[in-house]
C-alpha atoms as a PDB file:
ATOM      1  CA  UNK A   1     147.165 210.553  58.500  1.00  0.00           C
ATOM      2  CA  UNK A   2     148.281 213.651  56.691  1.00  0.00           C
ATOM      3  CA  UNK A   3     151.928 214.674  56.976  1.00  0.00           C
ATOM      4  CA  UNK A   4     152.315 218.455  56.934  1.00  0.00           C
ATOM      5  CA  UNK A   5     156.069 218.863  57.390  1.00  0.00           C
ATOM      6  CA  UNK A   6     159.314 217.000  57.883  1.00  0.00           C
ATOM      7  CA  UNK A   7     162.815 217.820  59.061  1.00  0.00           C
ATOM      8  CA  UNK A   8     166.176 216.101  58.740  1.00  0.00           C
ATOM      9  CA  UNK A   9     169.061 216.060  61.228  1.00  0.00           C
ATOM     10  CA  UNK A  10     172.359 217.607  60.068  1.00  0.00           C
ATOM     11  CA  UNK A  11     174.010 214.208  59.646  1.00  0.00           C
ATOM     12  CA  UNK A  12     170.970 212.802  57.840  1.00  0.00           C
ATOM     13  CA  UNK A  13     170.463 209.908  60.253  1.00  0.00           C
ATOM     14  CA  UNK A  14     167.145 211.145  61.708  1.00  0.00           C
ATOM     15  CA  UNK A  15     163.956 212.503  60.205  1.00  0.00           C
ATOM     16  CA  UNK A  16     160.981 214.046  62.003  1.00  0.00           C
ATOM     17  CA  UNK A  17     157.475 214.197  60.546  1.00  0.00           C
ATOM     18  CA  UNK A  18     154.601 216.458  61.657  1.00  0.00           C
ATOM     19  CA  UNK A  19     151.182 214.899  61.291  1.00  0.00           C
ATOM     20  CA  UNK A  20     147.450 215.441  61.242  1.00  0.00           C
ATOM     21  CA  UNK A  21     147.045 212.843  63.997  1.00  0.00           C
ATOM     22  CA  UNK A  22     148.426 215.436  66.498  1.00  0.00           C
ATOM     23  CA  UNK A  23     151.848 213.758  66.739  1.00  0.00           C
ATOM     24  CA  UNK A  24     155.378 213.916  65.415  1.00  0.00           C
ATOM     25  CA  UNK A  25     157.264 210.755  64.590  1.00  0.00           C
ATOM     26  CA  UNK A  26     161.052 210.477  64.850  1.00  0.00           C
ATOM     27  CA  UNK A  27     162.424 208.134  62.176  1.00  0.00           C
ATOM     28  CA  UNK A  28     165.718 206.413  61.490  1.00  0.00           C
ATOM     29  CA  UNK A  29     166.723 207.174  57.914  1.00  0.00           C
ATOM     30  CA  UNK A  30     169.159 204.264  58.039  1.00  0.00           C
ATOM     31  CA  UNK A  31     166.410 201.622  58.011  1.00  0.00           C
ATOM     32  CA  UNK A  32     163.187 203.670  57.717  1.00  0.00           C
ATOM     33  CA  UNK A  33     161.936 202.492  61.106  1.00  0.00           C
ATOM     34  CA  UNK A  34     160.062 204.763  63.527  1.00  0.00           C
ATOM     35  CA  UNK A  35     162.075 205.436  66.681  1.00  0.00           C
ATOM     36  CA  UNK A  36     159.385 207.103  68.790  1.00  0.00           C
ATOM     37  CA  UNK A  37     156.178 209.088  68.600  1.00  0.00           C
ATOM     38  CA  UNK A  38     156.033 212.515  70.243  1.00  0.00           C
ATOM     39  CA  UNK A  39     152.586 212.974  71.787  1.00  0.00           C
ATOM     40  CA  UNK A  40     151.355 216.120  73.497  1.00  0.00           C
ATOM     41  CA  UNK A  41     149.521 218.320  70.996  1.00  0.00           C
ATOM     42  CA  UNK A  42     145.716 218.379  70.917  1.00  0.00           C
ATOM     43  CA  UNK A  43     145.320 219.431  67.252  1.00  0.00           C
ATOM     44  CA  UNK A  44     147.203 219.017  63.976  1.00  0.00           C
ATOM     45  CA  UNK A  45     150.981 219.387  64.122  1.00  0.00           C
ATOM     46  CA  UNK A  46     151.752 221.652  61.175  1.00  0.00           C
ATOM     47  CA  UNK A  47     155.521 222.146  61.398  1.00  0.00           C
ATOM     48  CA  UNK A  48     158.580 220.591  62.986  1.00  0.00           C
ATOM     49  CA  UNK A  49     162.308 221.142  63.329  1.00  0.00           C
ATOM     50  CA  UNK A  50     165.300 219.132  64.551  1.00  0.00           C
ATOM     51  CA  UNK A  51     168.409 220.515  66.217  1.00  0.00           C
ATOM     52  CA  UNK A  52     171.671 220.047  64.323  1.00  0.00           C
ATOM     53  CA  UNK A  53     172.713 217.185  66.622  1.00  0.00           C
ATOM     54  CA  UNK A  54     169.232 215.609  66.627  1.00  0.00           C
ATOM     55  CA  UNK A  55     168.894 215.819  70.424  1.00  0.00           C
ATOM     56  CA  UNK A  56     166.016 218.347  70.380  1.00  0.00           C
ATOM     57  CA  UNK A  57     162.857 218.649  68.329  1.00  0.00           C
ATOM     58  CA  UNK A  58     160.383 221.514  68.078  1.00  0.00           C
ATOM     59  CA  UNK A  59     156.791 221.167  66.903  1.00  0.00           C
ATOM     60  CA  UNK A  60     154.149 223.769  66.009  1.00  0.00           C
ATOM     61  CA  UNK A  61     150.431 223.079  66.132  1.00  0.00           C
ATOM     62  CA  UNK A  62     146.907 224.290  65.434  1.00  0.00           C
ATOM     63  CA  UNK A  63     146.429 224.002  69.224  1.00  0.00           C
ATOM     64  CA  UNK A  64     148.249 227.389  69.471  1.00  0.00           C
ATOM     65  CA  UNK A  65     151.388 225.882  71.030  1.00  0.00           C
ATOM     66  CA  UNK A  66     154.944 224.903  70.237  1.00  0.00           C
ATOM     67  CA  UNK A  67     156.540 222.045  72.139  1.00  0.00           C
ATOM     68  CA  UNK A  68     160.279 221.542  72.616  1.00  0.00           C
ATOM     69  CA  UNK A  69     161.092 217.817  72.907  1.00  0.00           C
ATOM     70  CA  UNK A  70     163.964 215.662  74.145  1.00  0.00           C
ATOM     71  CA  UNK A  71     164.344 213.181  71.286  1.00  0.00           C
ATOM     72  CA  UNK A  72     166.257 210.656  73.420  1.00  0.00           C
ATOM     73  CA  UNK A  73     163.103 209.688  75.318  1.00  0.00           C
ATOM     74  CA  UNK A  74     160.292 211.667  73.655  1.00  0.00           C
ATOM     75  CA  UNK A  75     159.456 213.806  76.671  1.00  0.00           C
ATOM     76  CA  UNK A  76     158.378 217.427  76.332  1.00  0.00           C
ATOM     77  CA  UNK A  77     160.911 219.874  77.777  1.00  0.00           C
ATOM     78  CA  UNK A  78     158.781 223.007  77.481  1.00  0.00           C
ATOM     79  CA  UNK A  79     155.445 224.014  75.997  1.00  0.00           C
ATOM     80  CA  UNK A  80     155.195 227.541  74.582  1.00  0.00           C
ATOM     81  CA  UNK A  81     151.576 228.652  75.109  1.00  0.00           C
ATOM     82  CA  UNK A  82     151.336 232.418  74.523  1.00  0.00           C
ATOM     83  CA  UNK A  83     150.129 232.301  70.914  1.00  0.00           C
ATOM     84  CA  UNK A  84     146.656 233.691  70.170  1.00  0.00           C
ATOM     85  CA  UNK A  85     146.095 231.502  67.124  1.00  0.00           C
ATOM     86  CA  UNK A  86     147.505 228.571  65.173  1.00  0.00           C
ATOM     87  CA  UNK A  87     151.267 228.232  65.009  1.00  0.00           C
ATOM     88  CA  UNK A  88     152.150 227.474  61.398  1.00  0.00           C
ATOM     89  CA  UNK A  89     155.945 227.215  61.442  1.00  0.00           C
ATOM     90  CA  UNK A  90     158.922 226.773  63.752  1.00  0.00           C
ATOM     91  CA  UNK A  91     162.710 226.617  63.621  1.00  0.00           C
ATOM     92  CA  UNK A  92     165.700 225.874  65.820  1.00  0.00           C
ATOM     93  CA  UNK A  93     168.973 227.768  65.563  1.00  0.00           C
ATOM     94  CA  UNK A  94     172.028 225.850  64.409  1.00  0.00           C
ATOM     95  CA  UNK A  95     173.821 226.450  67.696  1.00  0.00           C
END
């Protein structure tokens, strides 16, 4: 599927891709292997971000939500649902 965005952890060991198949994939940059797929959006995932330590991910979607993820097991921590339309970008603070 289409990849709309990607993010890299501060140490460069992890990458996160946002995709048109409604998922994000967490990748190891050391060997290029997928670590886990983050599933929870119902439409395209347009943007993604990784925390500096790689422990959290944030995704933004055409389903009008952002989801904060625990990258250690791929579970959603919180879904932000108050948007009236598509969410086209997201970011996490460095701290």
